[in-house]
PDB file of N, CA and C in Angstrom:
ATOM      1  N   UNK A   1      -2.190 -27.722  73.951  1.00  0.00           N
ATOM      2  CA  UNK A   1      -3.168 -28.797  73.991  1.00  0.00           C
ATOM      3  C   UNK A   1      -3.202 -29.478  72.630  1.00  0.00           C
ATOM      4  N   UNK A   2      -3.342 -30.795  72.654  1.00  0.00           N
ATOM      5  CA  UNK A   2      -3.407 -31.621  71.453  1.00  0.00           C
ATOM      6  C   UNK A   2      -4.773 -32.302  71.412  1.00  0.00           C
ATOM      7  N   UNK A   3      -5.374 -32.314  70.237  1.00  0.00           N
ATOM      8  CA  UNK A   3      -6.659 -32.985  70.046  1.00  0.00           C
ATOM      9  C   UNK A   3      -6.432 -34.290  69.303  1.00  0.00           C
ATOM     10  N   UNK A   4      -6.791 -35.387  69.947  1.00  0.00           N
ATOM     11  CA  UNK A   4      -6.774 -36.709  69.309  1.00  0.00           C
ATOM     12  C   UNK A   4      -8.137 -36.896  68.645  1.00  0.00           C
ATOM     13  N   UNK A   5      -8.118 -37.348  67.388  1.00  0.00           N
ATOM     14  CA  UNK A   5      -9.351 -37.564  66.635  1.00  0.00           C
ATOM     15  C   UNK A   5      -9.336 -38.979  66.063  1.00  0.00           C
ATOM     16  N   UNK A   6     -10.399 -39.732  66.327  1.00  0.00           N
ATOM     17  CA  UNK A   6     -10.520 -41.078  65.775  1.00  0.00           C
ATOM     18  C   UNK A   6     -11.952 -41.299  65.312  1.00  0.00           C
ATOM     19  N   UNK A   7     -12.091 -41.820  64.103  1.00  0.00           N
ATOM     20  CA  UNK A   7     -13.401 -42.240  63.614  1.00  0.00           C
ATOM     21  C   UNK A   7     -13.507 -43.730  63.905  1.00  0.00           C
ATOM     22  N   UNK A   8     -14.510 -44.084  64.699  1.00  0.00           N
ATOM     23  CA  UNK A   8     -14.693 -45.455  65.163  1.00  0.00           C
ATOM     24  C   UNK A   8     -15.845 -46.098  64.397  1.00  0.00           C
ATOM     25  N   UNK A   9     -15.528 -47.025  63.519  1.00  0.00           N
ATOM     26  CA  UNK A   9     -16.546 -47.783  62.803  1.00  0.00           C
ATOM     27  C   UNK A   9     -16.801 -49.071  63.573  1.00  0.00           C
ATOM     28  N   UNK A  10     -17.953 -49.123  64.211  1.00  0.00           N
ATOM     29  CA  UNK A  10     -18.337 -50.256  65.048  1.00  0.00           C
ATOM     30  C   UNK A  10     -19.052 -51.289  64.171  1.00  0.00           C
ATOM     31  N   UNK A  11     -18.806 -52.548  64.452  1.00  0.00           N
ATOM     32  CA  UNK A  11     -19.472 -53.617  63.710  1.00  0.00           C
ATOM     33  C   UNK A  11     -20.990 -53.424  63.840  1.00  0.00           C
ATOM     34  N   UNK A  12     -21.704 -53.341  62.707  1.00  0.00           N
ATOM     35  CA  UNK A  12     -23.154 -53.117  62.762  1.00  0.00           C
ATOM     36  C   UNK A  12     -23.850 -54.143  63.655  1.00  0.00           C
ATOM     37  N   UNK A  13     -24.781 -53.637  64.458  1.00  0.00           N
ATOM     38  CA  UNK A  13     -25.517 -54.473  65.392  1.00  0.00           C
ATOM     39  C   UNK A  13     -24.896 -54.529  66.771  1.00  0.00           C
ATOM     40  N   UNK A  14     -23.683 -53.976  66.926  1.00  0.00           N
ATOM     41  CA  UNK A  14     -23.007 -53.995  68.222  1.00  0.00           C
ATOM     42  C   UNK A  14     -22.908 -52.607  68.859  1.00  0.00           C
ATOM     43  N   UNK A  15     -23.706 -51.678  68.375  1.00  0.00           N
ATOM     44  CA  UNK A  15     -23.632 -50.298  68.864  1.00  0.00           C
ATOM     45  C   UNK A  15     -23.941 -50.186  70.357  1.00  0.00           C
ATOM     46  N   UNK A  16     -24.985 -50.827  70.809  1.00  0.00           N
ATOM     47  CA  UNK A  16     -25.367 -50.728  72.238  1.00  0.00           C
ATOM     48  C   UNK A  16     -24.285 -51.329  73.133  1.00  0.00           C
ATOM     49  N   UNK A  17     -23.736 -52.468  72.719  1.00  0.00           N
ATOM     50  CA  UNK A  17     -22.671 -53.100  73.484  1.00  0.00           C
ATOM     51  C   UNK A  17     -21.419 -52.210  73.512  1.00  0.00           C
ATOM     52  N   UNK A  18     -21.105 -51.598  72.366  1.00  0.00           N
ATOM     53  CA  UNK A  18     -19.970 -50.676  72.304  1.00  0.00           C
ATOM     54  C   UNK A  18     -20.181 -49.500  73.251  1.00  0.00           C
ATOM     55  N   UNK A  19     -21.359 -48.903  73.217  1.00  0.00           N
ATOM     56  CA  UNK A  19     -21.634 -47.754  74.081  1.00  0.00           C
ATOM     57  C   UNK A  19     -21.516 -48.129  75.561  1.00  0.00           C
ATOM     58  N   UNK A  20     -21.988 -49.304  75.924  1.00  0.00           N
ATOM     59  CA  UNK A  20     -21.874 -49.757  77.316  1.00  0.00           C
ATOM     60  C   UNK A  20     -20.409 -49.967  77.696  1.00  0.00           C
ATOM     61  N   UNK A  21     -19.636 -50.569  76.793  1.00  0.00           N
ATOM     62  CA  UNK A  21     -18.208 -50.784  77.059  1.00  0.00           C
ATOM     63  C   UNK A  21     -17.470 -49.454  77.138  1.00  0.00           C
ATOM     64  N   UNK A  22     -17.845 -48.503  76.275  1.00  0.00           N
ATOM     65  CA  UNK A  22     -17.173 -47.206  76.318  1.00  0.00           C
ATOM     66  C   UNK A  22     -17.477 -46.491  77.631  1.00  0.00           C
ATOM     67  N   UNK A  23     -18.679 -46.637  78.125  1.00  0.00           N
ATOM     68  CA  UNK A  23     -19.008 -46.029  79.421  1.00  0.00           C
ATOM     69  C   UNK A  23     -18.083 -46.547  80.515  1.00  0.00           C
ATOM     70  N   UNK A  24     -17.714 -47.817  80.461  1.00  0.00           N
ATOM     71  CA  UNK A  24     -16.753 -48.370  81.410  1.00  0.00           C
ATOM     72  C   UNK A  24     -15.354 -47.832  81.149  1.00  0.00           C
ATOM     73  N   UNK A  25     -14.973 -47.771  79.879  1.00  0.00           N
ATOM     74  CA  UNK A  25     -13.610 -47.380  79.494  1.00  0.00           C
ATOM     75  C   UNK A  25     -13.301 -45.925  79.819  1.00  0.00           C
ATOM     76  N   UNK A  26     -14.317 -45.089  79.928  1.00  0.00           N
ATOM     77  CA  UNK A  26     -14.086 -43.666  80.218  1.00  0.00           C
ATOM     78  C   UNK A  26     -13.267 -43.458  81.490  1.00  0.00           C
ATOM     79  N   UNK A  27     -13.497 -44.279  82.493  1.00  0.00           N
ATOM     80  CA  UNK A  27     -12.757 -44.142  83.750  1.00  0.00           C
ATOM     81  C   UNK A  27     -11.267 -44.371  83.539  1.00  0.00           C
ATOM     82  N   UNK A  28     -10.928 -45.255  82.600  1.00  0.00           N
ATOM     83  CA  UNK A  28      -9.529 -45.546  82.321  1.00  0.00           C
ATOM     84  C   UNK A  28      -8.836 -44.322  81.732  1.00  0.00           C
ATOM     85  N   UNK A  29      -9.430 -43.750  80.705  1.00  0.00           N
ATOM     86  CA  UNK A  29      -8.771 -42.623  80.039  1.00  0.00           C
ATOM     87  C   UNK A  29      -8.747 -41.382  80.939  1.00  0.00           C
ATOM     88  N   UNK A  30      -9.792 -41.205  81.706  1.00  0.00           N
ATOM     89  CA  UNK A  30      -9.832 -40.038  82.607  1.00  0.00           C
ATOM     90  C   UNK A  30      -8.712 -40.057  83.645  1.00  0.00           C
ATOM     91  N   UNK A  31      -8.207 -41.236  83.955  1.00  0.00           N
ATOM     92  CA  UNK A  31      -7.183 -41.362  84.995  1.00  0.00           C
ATOM     93  C   UNK A  31      -5.759 -41.183  84.470  1.00  0.00           C
ATOM     94  N   UNK A  32      -5.602 -40.972  83.175  1.00  0.00           N
ATOM     95  CA  UNK A  32      -4.272 -40.911  82.576  1.00  0.00           C
ATOM     96  C   UNK A  32      -3.628 -39.533  82.723  1.00  0.00           C
ATOM     97  N   UNK A  33      -2.300 -39.550  82.900  1.00  0.00           N
ATOM     98  CA  UNK A  33      -1.547 -38.297  82.977  1.00  0.00           C
ATOM     99  C   UNK A  33      -1.714 -37.525  81.665  1.00  0.00           C
ATOM    100  N   UNK A  34      -1.970 -36.248  81.762  1.00  0.00           N
ATOM    101  CA  UNK A  34      -2.100 -35.403  80.589  1.00  0.00           C
ATOM    102  C   UNK A  34      -3.480 -35.364  79.967  1.00  0.00           C
ATOM    103  N   UNK A  35      -4.381 -36.203  80.433  1.00  0.00           N
ATOM    104  CA  UNK A  35      -5.761 -36.198  79.927  1.00  0.00           C
ATOM    105  C   UNK A  35      -6.450 -34.916  80.368  1.00  0.00           C
ATOM    106  N   UNK A  36      -7.166 -34.275  79.438  1.00  0.00           N
ATOM    107  CA  UNK A  36      -7.920 -33.069  79.775  1.00  0.00           C
ATOM    108  C   UNK A  36      -9.426 -33.275  79.660  1.00  0.00           C
ATOM    109  N   UNK A  37      -9.880 -33.856  78.555  1.00  0.00           N
ATOM    110  CA  UNK A  37     -11.316 -34.057  78.355  1.00  0.00           C
ATOM    111  C   UNK A  37     -11.519 -34.952  77.135  1.00  0.00           C
ATOM    112  N   UNK A  38     -12.757 -35.429  76.989  1.00  0.00           N
ATOM    113  CA  UNK A  38     -13.094 -36.203  75.796  1.00  0.00           C
ATOM    114  C   UNK A  38     -14.586 -36.110  75.524  1.00  0.00           C
ATOM    115  N   UNK A  39     -14.931 -36.478  74.307  1.00  0.00           N
ATOM    116  CA  UNK A  39     -16.339 -36.642  73.956  1.00  0.00           C
ATOM    117  C   UNK A  39     -16.437 -37.661  72.837  1.00  0.00           C
ATOM    118  N   UNK A  40     -17.572 -38.333  72.787  1.00  0.00           N
ATOM    119  CA  UNK A  40     -17.876 -39.287  71.729  1.00  0.00           C
ATOM    120  C   UNK A  40     -19.189 -38.854  71.115  1.00  0.00           C
ATOM    121  N   UNK A  41     -19.206 -38.819  69.792  1.00  0.00           N
ATOM    122  CA  UNK A  41     -20.433 -38.456  69.075  1.00  0.00           C
ATOM    123  C   UNK A  41     -20.784 -39.565  68.102  1.00  0.00           C
ATOM    124  N   UNK A  42     -22.078 -39.834  67.988  1.00  0.00           N
ATOM    125  CA  UNK A  42     -22.556 -40.855  67.051  1.00  0.00           C
ATOM    126  C   UNK A  42     -22.965 -40.156  65.754  1.00  0.00           C
ATOM    127  N   UNK A  43     -22.594 -40.750  64.637  1.00  0.00           N
ATOM    128  CA  UNK A  43     -22.935 -40.203  63.322  1.00  0.00           C
ATOM    129  C   UNK A  43     -24.435 -40.334  63.079  1.00  0.00           C
ATOM    130  N   UNK A  44     -25.036 -39.287  62.569  1.00  0.00           N
ATOM    131  CA  UNK A  44     -26.475 -39.303  62.296  1.00  0.00           C
ATOM    132  C   UNK A  44     -26.803 -40.061  61.004  1.00  0.00           C
ATOM    133  N   UNK A  45     -25.867 -40.074  60.055  1.00  0.00           N
ATOM    134  CA  UNK A  45     -26.113 -40.756  58.787  1.00  0.00           C
ATOM    135  C   UNK A  45     -25.740 -42.240  58.828  1.00  0.00           C
ATOM    136  N   UNK A  46     -24.868 -42.615  59.750  1.00  0.00           N
ATOM    137  CA  UNK A  46     -24.408 -44.005  59.868  1.00  0.00           C
ATOM    138  C   UNK A  46     -24.343 -44.342  61.351  1.00  0.00           C
ATOM    139  N   UNK A  47     -25.334 -45.028  61.867  1.00  0.00           N
ATOM    140  CA  UNK A  47     -25.441 -45.252  63.311  1.00  0.00           C
ATOM    141  C   UNK A  47     -24.350 -46.162  63.869  1.00  0.00           C
ATOM    142  N   UNK A  48     -23.538 -46.764  63.010  1.00  0.00           N
ATOM    143  CA  UNK A  48     -22.429 -47.597  63.469  1.00  0.00           C
ATOM    144  C   UNK A  48     -21.107 -46.823  63.532  1.00  0.00           C
ATOM    145  N   UNK A  49     -21.128 -45.540  63.181  1.00  0.00           N
ATOM    146  CA  UNK A  49     -19.906 -44.729  63.170  1.00  0.00           C
ATOM    147  C   UNK A  49     -19.946 -43.716  64.318  1.00  0.00           C
ATOM    148  N   UNK A  50     -18.816 -43.602  65.010  1.00  0.00           N
ATOM    149  CA  UNK A  50     -18.665 -42.681  66.131  1.00  0.00           C
ATOM    150  C   UNK A  50     -17.419 -41.838  65.917  1.00  0.00           C
ATOM    151  N   UNK A  51     -17.423 -40.662  66.482  1.00  0.00           N
ATOM    152  CA  UNK A  51     -16.272 -39.768  66.466  1.00  0.00           C
ATOM    153  C   UNK A  51     -15.786 -39.627  67.904  1.00  0.00           C
ATOM    154  N   UNK A  52     -14.518 -39.962  68.129  1.00  0.00           N
ATOM    155  CA  UNK A  52     -13.895 -39.820  69.440  1.00  0.00           C
ATOM    156  C   UNK A  52     -12.947 -38.641  69.401  1.00  0.00           C
ATOM    157  N   UNK A  53     -13.134 -37.714  70.310  1.00  0.00           N
ATOM    158  CA  UNK A  53     -12.278 -36.530  70.444  1.00  0.00           C
ATOM    159  C   UNK A  53     -11.715 -36.522  71.863  1.00  0.00           C
ATOM    160  N   UNK A  54     -10.389 -36.489  71.977  1.00  0.00           N
ATOM    161  CA  UNK A  54      -9.754 -36.466  73.293  1.00  0.00           C
ATOM    162  C   UNK A  54      -8.742 -35.327  73.312  1.00  0.00           C
ATOM    163  N   UNK A  55      -8.821 -34.498  74.323  1.00  0.00           N
ATOM    164  CA  UNK A  55      -7.853 -33.426  74.519  1.00  0.00           C
ATOM    165  C   UNK A  55      -6.782 -33.898  75.499  1.00  0.00           C
ATOM    166  N   UNK A  56      -5.526 -33.764  75.077  1.00  0.00           N
ATOM    167  CA  UNK A  56      -4.364 -34.131  75.884  1.00  0.00           C
ATOM    168  C   UNK A  56      -3.489 -32.899  76.062  1.00  0.00           C
ATOM    169  N   UNK A  57      -2.747 -32.855  77.145  1.00  0.00           N
ATOM    170  CA  UNK A  57      -1.804 -31.744  77.339  1.00  0.00           C
ATOM    171  C   UNK A  57      -0.712 -31.770  76.279  1.00  0.00           C
ATOM    172  N   UNK A  58      -0.151 -32.966  76.001  1.00  0.00           N
ATOM    173  CA  UNK A  58       0.900 -33.094  74.994  1.00  0.00           C
ATOM    174  C   UNK A  58       0.648 -34.332  74.145  1.00  0.00           C
ATOM    175  N   UNK A  59       1.265 -34.387  72.991  1.00  0.00           N
ATOM    176  CA  UNK A  59       1.170 -35.553  72.125  1.00  0.00           C
ATOM    177  C   UNK A  59       1.710 -36.790  72.834  1.00  0.00           C
ATOM    178  N   UNK A  60       2.814 -36.624  73.555  1.00  0.00           N
ATOM    179  CA  UNK A  60       3.429 -37.743  74.257  1.00  0.00           C
ATOM    180  C   UNK A  60       2.551 -38.304  75.365  1.00  0.00           C
ATOM    181  N   UNK A  61       1.698 -37.472  75.961  1.00  0.00           N
ATOM    182  CA  UNK A  61       0.772 -37.990  76.977  1.00  0.00           C
ATOM    183  C   UNK A  61      -0.116 -39.073  76.392  1.00  0.00           C
ATOM    184  N   UNK A  62      -0.461 -38.934  75.108  1.00  0.00           N
ATOM    185  CA  UNK A  62      -1.274 -39.967  74.467  1.00  0.00           C
ATOM    186  C   UNK A  62      -0.410 -41.082  73.895  1.00  0.00           C
ATOM    187  N   UNK A  63       0.552 -40.722  73.030  1.00  0.00           N
ATOM    188  CA  UNK A  63       1.288 -41.734  72.272  1.00  0.00           C
ATOM    189  C   UNK A  63       2.252 -42.550  73.112  1.00  0.00           C
ATOM    190  N   UNK A  64       2.814 -41.965  74.144  1.00  0.00           N
ATOM    191  CA  UNK A  64       3.750 -42.696  74.989  1.00  0.00           C
ATOM    192  C   UNK A  64       3.128 -43.037  76.350  1.00  0.00           C
ATOM    193  N   UNK A  65       2.537 -42.039  76.994  1.00  0.00           N
ATOM    194  CA  UNK A  65       1.986 -42.263  78.328  1.00  0.00           C
ATOM    195  C   UNK A  65       0.820 -43.237  78.327  1.00  0.00           C
ATOM    196  N   UNK A  66      -0.253 -42.882  77.641  1.00  0.00           N
ATOM    197  CA  UNK A  66      -1.446 -43.729  77.650  1.00  0.00           C
ATOM    198  C   UNK A  66      -1.212 -45.036  76.917  1.00  0.00           C
ATOM    199  N   UNK A  67      -0.681 -44.979  75.716  1.00  0.00           N
ATOM    200  CA  UNK A  67      -0.546 -46.196  74.908  1.00  0.00           C
ATOM    201  C   UNK A  67       0.443 -47.205  75.473  1.00  0.00           C
ATOM    202  N   UNK A  68       1.305 -46.778  76.366  1.00  0.00           N
ATOM    203  CA  UNK A  68       2.251 -47.711  76.976  1.00  0.00           C
ATOM    204  C   UNK A  68       1.863 -48.055  78.415  1.00  0.00           C
ATOM    205  N   UNK A  69       0.656 -47.683  78.809  1.00  0.00           N
ATOM    206  CA  UNK A  69       0.219 -47.905  80.189  1.00  0.00           C
ATOM    207  C   UNK A  69      -0.554 -49.215  80.337  1.00  0.00           C
ATOM    208  N   UNK A  70      -0.660 -49.663  81.584  1.00  0.00           N
ATOM    209  CA  UNK A  70      -1.510 -50.814  81.883  1.00  0.00           C
ATOM    210  C   UNK A  70      -2.968 -50.491  81.566  1.00  0.00           C
ATOM    211  N   UNK A  71      -3.352 -49.239  81.783  1.00  0.00           N
ATOM    212  CA  UNK A  71      -4.716 -48.820  81.479  1.00  0.00           C
ATOM    213  C   UNK A  71      -5.065 -49.021  80.018  1.00  0.00           C
ATOM    214  N   UNK A  72      -4.085 -48.809  79.126  1.00  0.00           N
ATOM    215  CA  UNK A  72      -4.340 -49.003  77.700  1.00  0.00           C
ATOM    216  C   UNK A  72      -4.667 -50.460  77.385  1.00  0.00           C
ATOM    217  N   UNK A  73      -4.045 -51.382  78.103  1.00  0.00           N
ATOM    218  CA  UNK A  73      -4.342 -52.799  77.880  1.00  0.00           C
ATOM    219  C   UNK A  73      -5.805 -53.094  78.250  1.00  0.00           C
ATOM    220  N   UNK A  74      -6.286 -52.489  79.310  1.00  0.00           N
ATOM    221  CA  UNK A  74      -7.696 -52.646  79.698  1.00  0.00           C
ATOM    222  C   UNK A  74      -8.610 -51.984  78.680  1.00  0.00           C
ATOM    223  N   UNK A  75      -8.224 -50.792  78.207  1.00  0.00           N
ATOM    224  CA  UNK A  75      -8.968 -50.054  77.167  1.00  0.00           C
ATOM    225  C   UNK A  75      -9.109 -50.936  75.928  1.00  0.00           C
ATOM    226  N   UNK A  76      -8.004 -51.504  75.481  1.00  0.00           N
ATOM    227  CA  UNK A  76      -8.017 -52.384  74.305  1.00  0.00           C
ATOM    228  C   UNK A  76      -8.958 -53.562  74.504  1.00  0.00           C
ATOM    229  N   UNK A  77      -8.871 -54.191  75.664  1.00  0.00           N
ATOM    230  CA  UNK A  77      -9.706 -55.365  75.927  1.00  0.00           C
ATOM    231  C   UNK A  77     -11.189 -55.016  75.898  1.00  0.00           C
ATOM    232  N   UNK A  78     -11.535 -53.843  76.373  1.00  0.00           N
ATOM    233  CA  UNK A  78     -12.934 -53.420  76.399  1.00  0.00           C
ATOM    234  C   UNK A  78     -13.454 -53.008  75.021  1.00  0.00           C
ATOM    235  N   UNK A  79     -12.613 -52.375  74.193  1.00  0.00           N
ATOM    236  CA  UNK A  79     -13.126 -51.687  73.011  1.00  0.00           C
ATOM    237  C   UNK A  79     -12.660 -52.193  71.649  1.00  0.00           C
ATOM    238  N   UNK A  80     -11.443 -52.661  71.533  1.00  0.00           N
ATOM    239  CA  UNK A  80     -10.884 -52.876  70.199  1.00  0.00           C
ATOM    240  C   UNK A  80     -11.598 -53.943  69.379  1.00  0.00           C
ATOM    241  N   UNK A  81     -12.263 -54.889  70.006  1.00  0.00           N
ATOM    242  CA  UNK A  81     -12.958 -55.930  69.243  1.00  0.00           C
ATOM    243  C   UNK A  81     -14.235 -55.430  68.563  1.00  0.00           C
ATOM    244  N   UNK A  82     -14.652 -54.205  68.857  1.00  0.00           N
ATOM    245  CA  UNK A  82     -15.853 -53.637  68.227  1.00  0.00           C
ATOM    246  C   UNK A  82     -15.562 -52.998  66.866  1.00  0.00           C
ATOM    247  N   UNK A  83     -14.303 -52.716  66.546  1.00  0.00           N
ATOM    248  CA  UNK A  83     -13.968 -51.900  65.372  1.00  0.00           C
ATOM    249  C   UNK A  83     -13.738 -52.736  64.119  1.00  0.00           C
ATOM    250  N   UNK A  84     -14.358 -52.272  63.021  1.00  0.00           N
ATOM    251  CA  UNK A  84     -14.143 -52.883  61.716  1.00  0.00           C
ATOM    252  C   UNK A  84     -14.324 -51.818  60.650  1.00  0.00           C
ATOM    253  N   UNK A  85     -13.269 -51.307  60.033  1.00  0.00           N
ATOM    254  CA  UNK A  85     -11.858 -51.623  60.258  1.00  0.00           C
ATOM    255  C   UNK A  85     -11.332 -50.905  61.508  1.00  0.00           C
ATOM    256  N   UNK A  86     -10.091 -51.226  61.870  1.00  0.00           N
ATOM    257  CA  UNK A  86      -9.487 -50.568  63.021  1.00  0.00           C
ATOM    258  C   UNK A  86      -9.299 -49.088  62.697  1.00  0.00           C
ATOM    259  N   UNK A  87      -9.611 -48.196  63.649  1.00  0.00           N
ATOM    260  CA  UNK A  87      -9.582 -46.763  63.357  1.00  0.00           C
ATOM    261  C   UNK A  87      -8.178 -46.189  63.154  1.00  0.00           C
ATOM    262  N   UNK A  88      -8.127 -45.177  62.314  1.00  0.00           N
ATOM    263  CA  UNK A  88      -6.939 -44.346  62.192  1.00  0.00           C
ATOM    264  C   UNK A  88      -7.078 -43.240  63.217  1.00  0.00           C
ATOM    265  N   UNK A  89      -6.010 -42.980  63.950  1.00  0.00           N
ATOM    266  CA  UNK A  89      -6.009 -41.927  64.965  1.00  0.00           C
ATOM    267  C   UNK A  89      -5.061 -40.829  64.501  1.00  0.00           C
ATOM    268  N   UNK A  90      -5.541 -39.585  64.545  1.00  0.00           N
ATOM    269  CA  UNK A  90      -4.716 -38.442  64.179  1.00  0.00           C
ATOM    270  C   UNK A  90      -4.726 -37.437  65.312  1.00  0.00           C
ATOM    271  N   UNK A  91      -3.715 -36.587  65.315  1.00  0.00           N
ATOM    272  CA  UNK A  91      -3.559 -35.580  66.362  1.00  0.00           C
ATOM    273  C   UNK A  91      -3.503 -34.191  65.720  1.00  0.00           C
ATOM    274  N   UNK A  92      -4.163 -33.242  66.349  1.00  0.00           N
ATOM    275  CA  UNK A  92      -4.255 -31.883  65.811  1.00  0.00           C
ATOM    276  C   UNK A  92      -3.834 -30.875  66.867  1.00  0.00           C
ATOM    277  N   UNK A  93      -3.179 -29.820  66.387  1.00  0.00           N
ATOM    278  CA  UNK A  93      -2.821 -28.703  67.261  1.00  0.00           C
ATOM    279  C   UNK A  93      -3.510 -27.459  66.735  1.00  0.00           C
ATOM    280  N   UNK A  94      -3.813 -26.544  67.627  1.00  0.00           N
ATOM    281  CA  UNK A  94      -4.500 -25.307  67.257  1.00  0.00           C
ATOM    282  C   UNK A  94      -3.556 -24.395  66.486  1.00  0.00           C
ATOM    283  N   UNK A  95      -4.080 -23.781  65.435  1.00  0.00           N
ATOM    284  CA  UNK A  95      -3.318 -22.779  64.695  1.00  0.00           C
ATOM    285  C   UNK A  95      -3.999 -21.431  64.726  1.00  0.00           C
ATOM    286  N   UNK A  96      -5.264 -21.434  65.079  1.00  0.00           N
ATOM    287  CA  UNK A  96      -6.013 -20.180  65.198  1.00  0.00           C
ATOM    288  C   UNK A  96      -7.201 -20.419  66.110  1.00  0.00           C
ATOM    289  N   UNK A  97      -7.577 -19.383  66.825  1.00  0.00           N
ATOM    290  CA  UNK A  97      -8.725 -19.477  67.709  1.00  0.00           C
ATOM    291  C   UNK A  97      -9.994 -19.005  67.020  1.00  0.00           C
ATOM    292  N   UNK A  98     -11.097 -19.414  67.546  1.00  0.00           N
ATOM    293  CA  UNK A  98     -12.391 -18.963  67.040  1.00  0.00           C
ATOM    294  C   UNK A  98     -12.907 -17.867  67.953  1.00  0.00           C
ATOM    295  N   UNK A  99     -13.373 -16.813  67.377  1.00  0.00           N
ATOM    296  CA  UNK A  99     -13.925 -15.700  68.165  1.00  0.00           C
ATOM    297  C   UNK A  99     -15.387 -15.534  67.895  1.00  0.00           C
TER     298      UNK A  99
END
């Protein structure tokens, strides 16, 4: 399993609109091959910052499958205009479990 991590800095004052658009966009990502789960968290110190965590079966499910899909074009149209600056996305793999 691969964890996609993105810090989303939303243009101040557009948080409610972003959250509504993300609620729509969730259906897009949930339908993608290799998608396992996701969550979005809002920063307590900066209400315009969000953390997006997405679990994928493989790195390629995100970087090739989702990003090259028609669904990604819809995702972009719904969400990308909210970001300032555009987020950096990183991928993480497990090296140790928590007990």
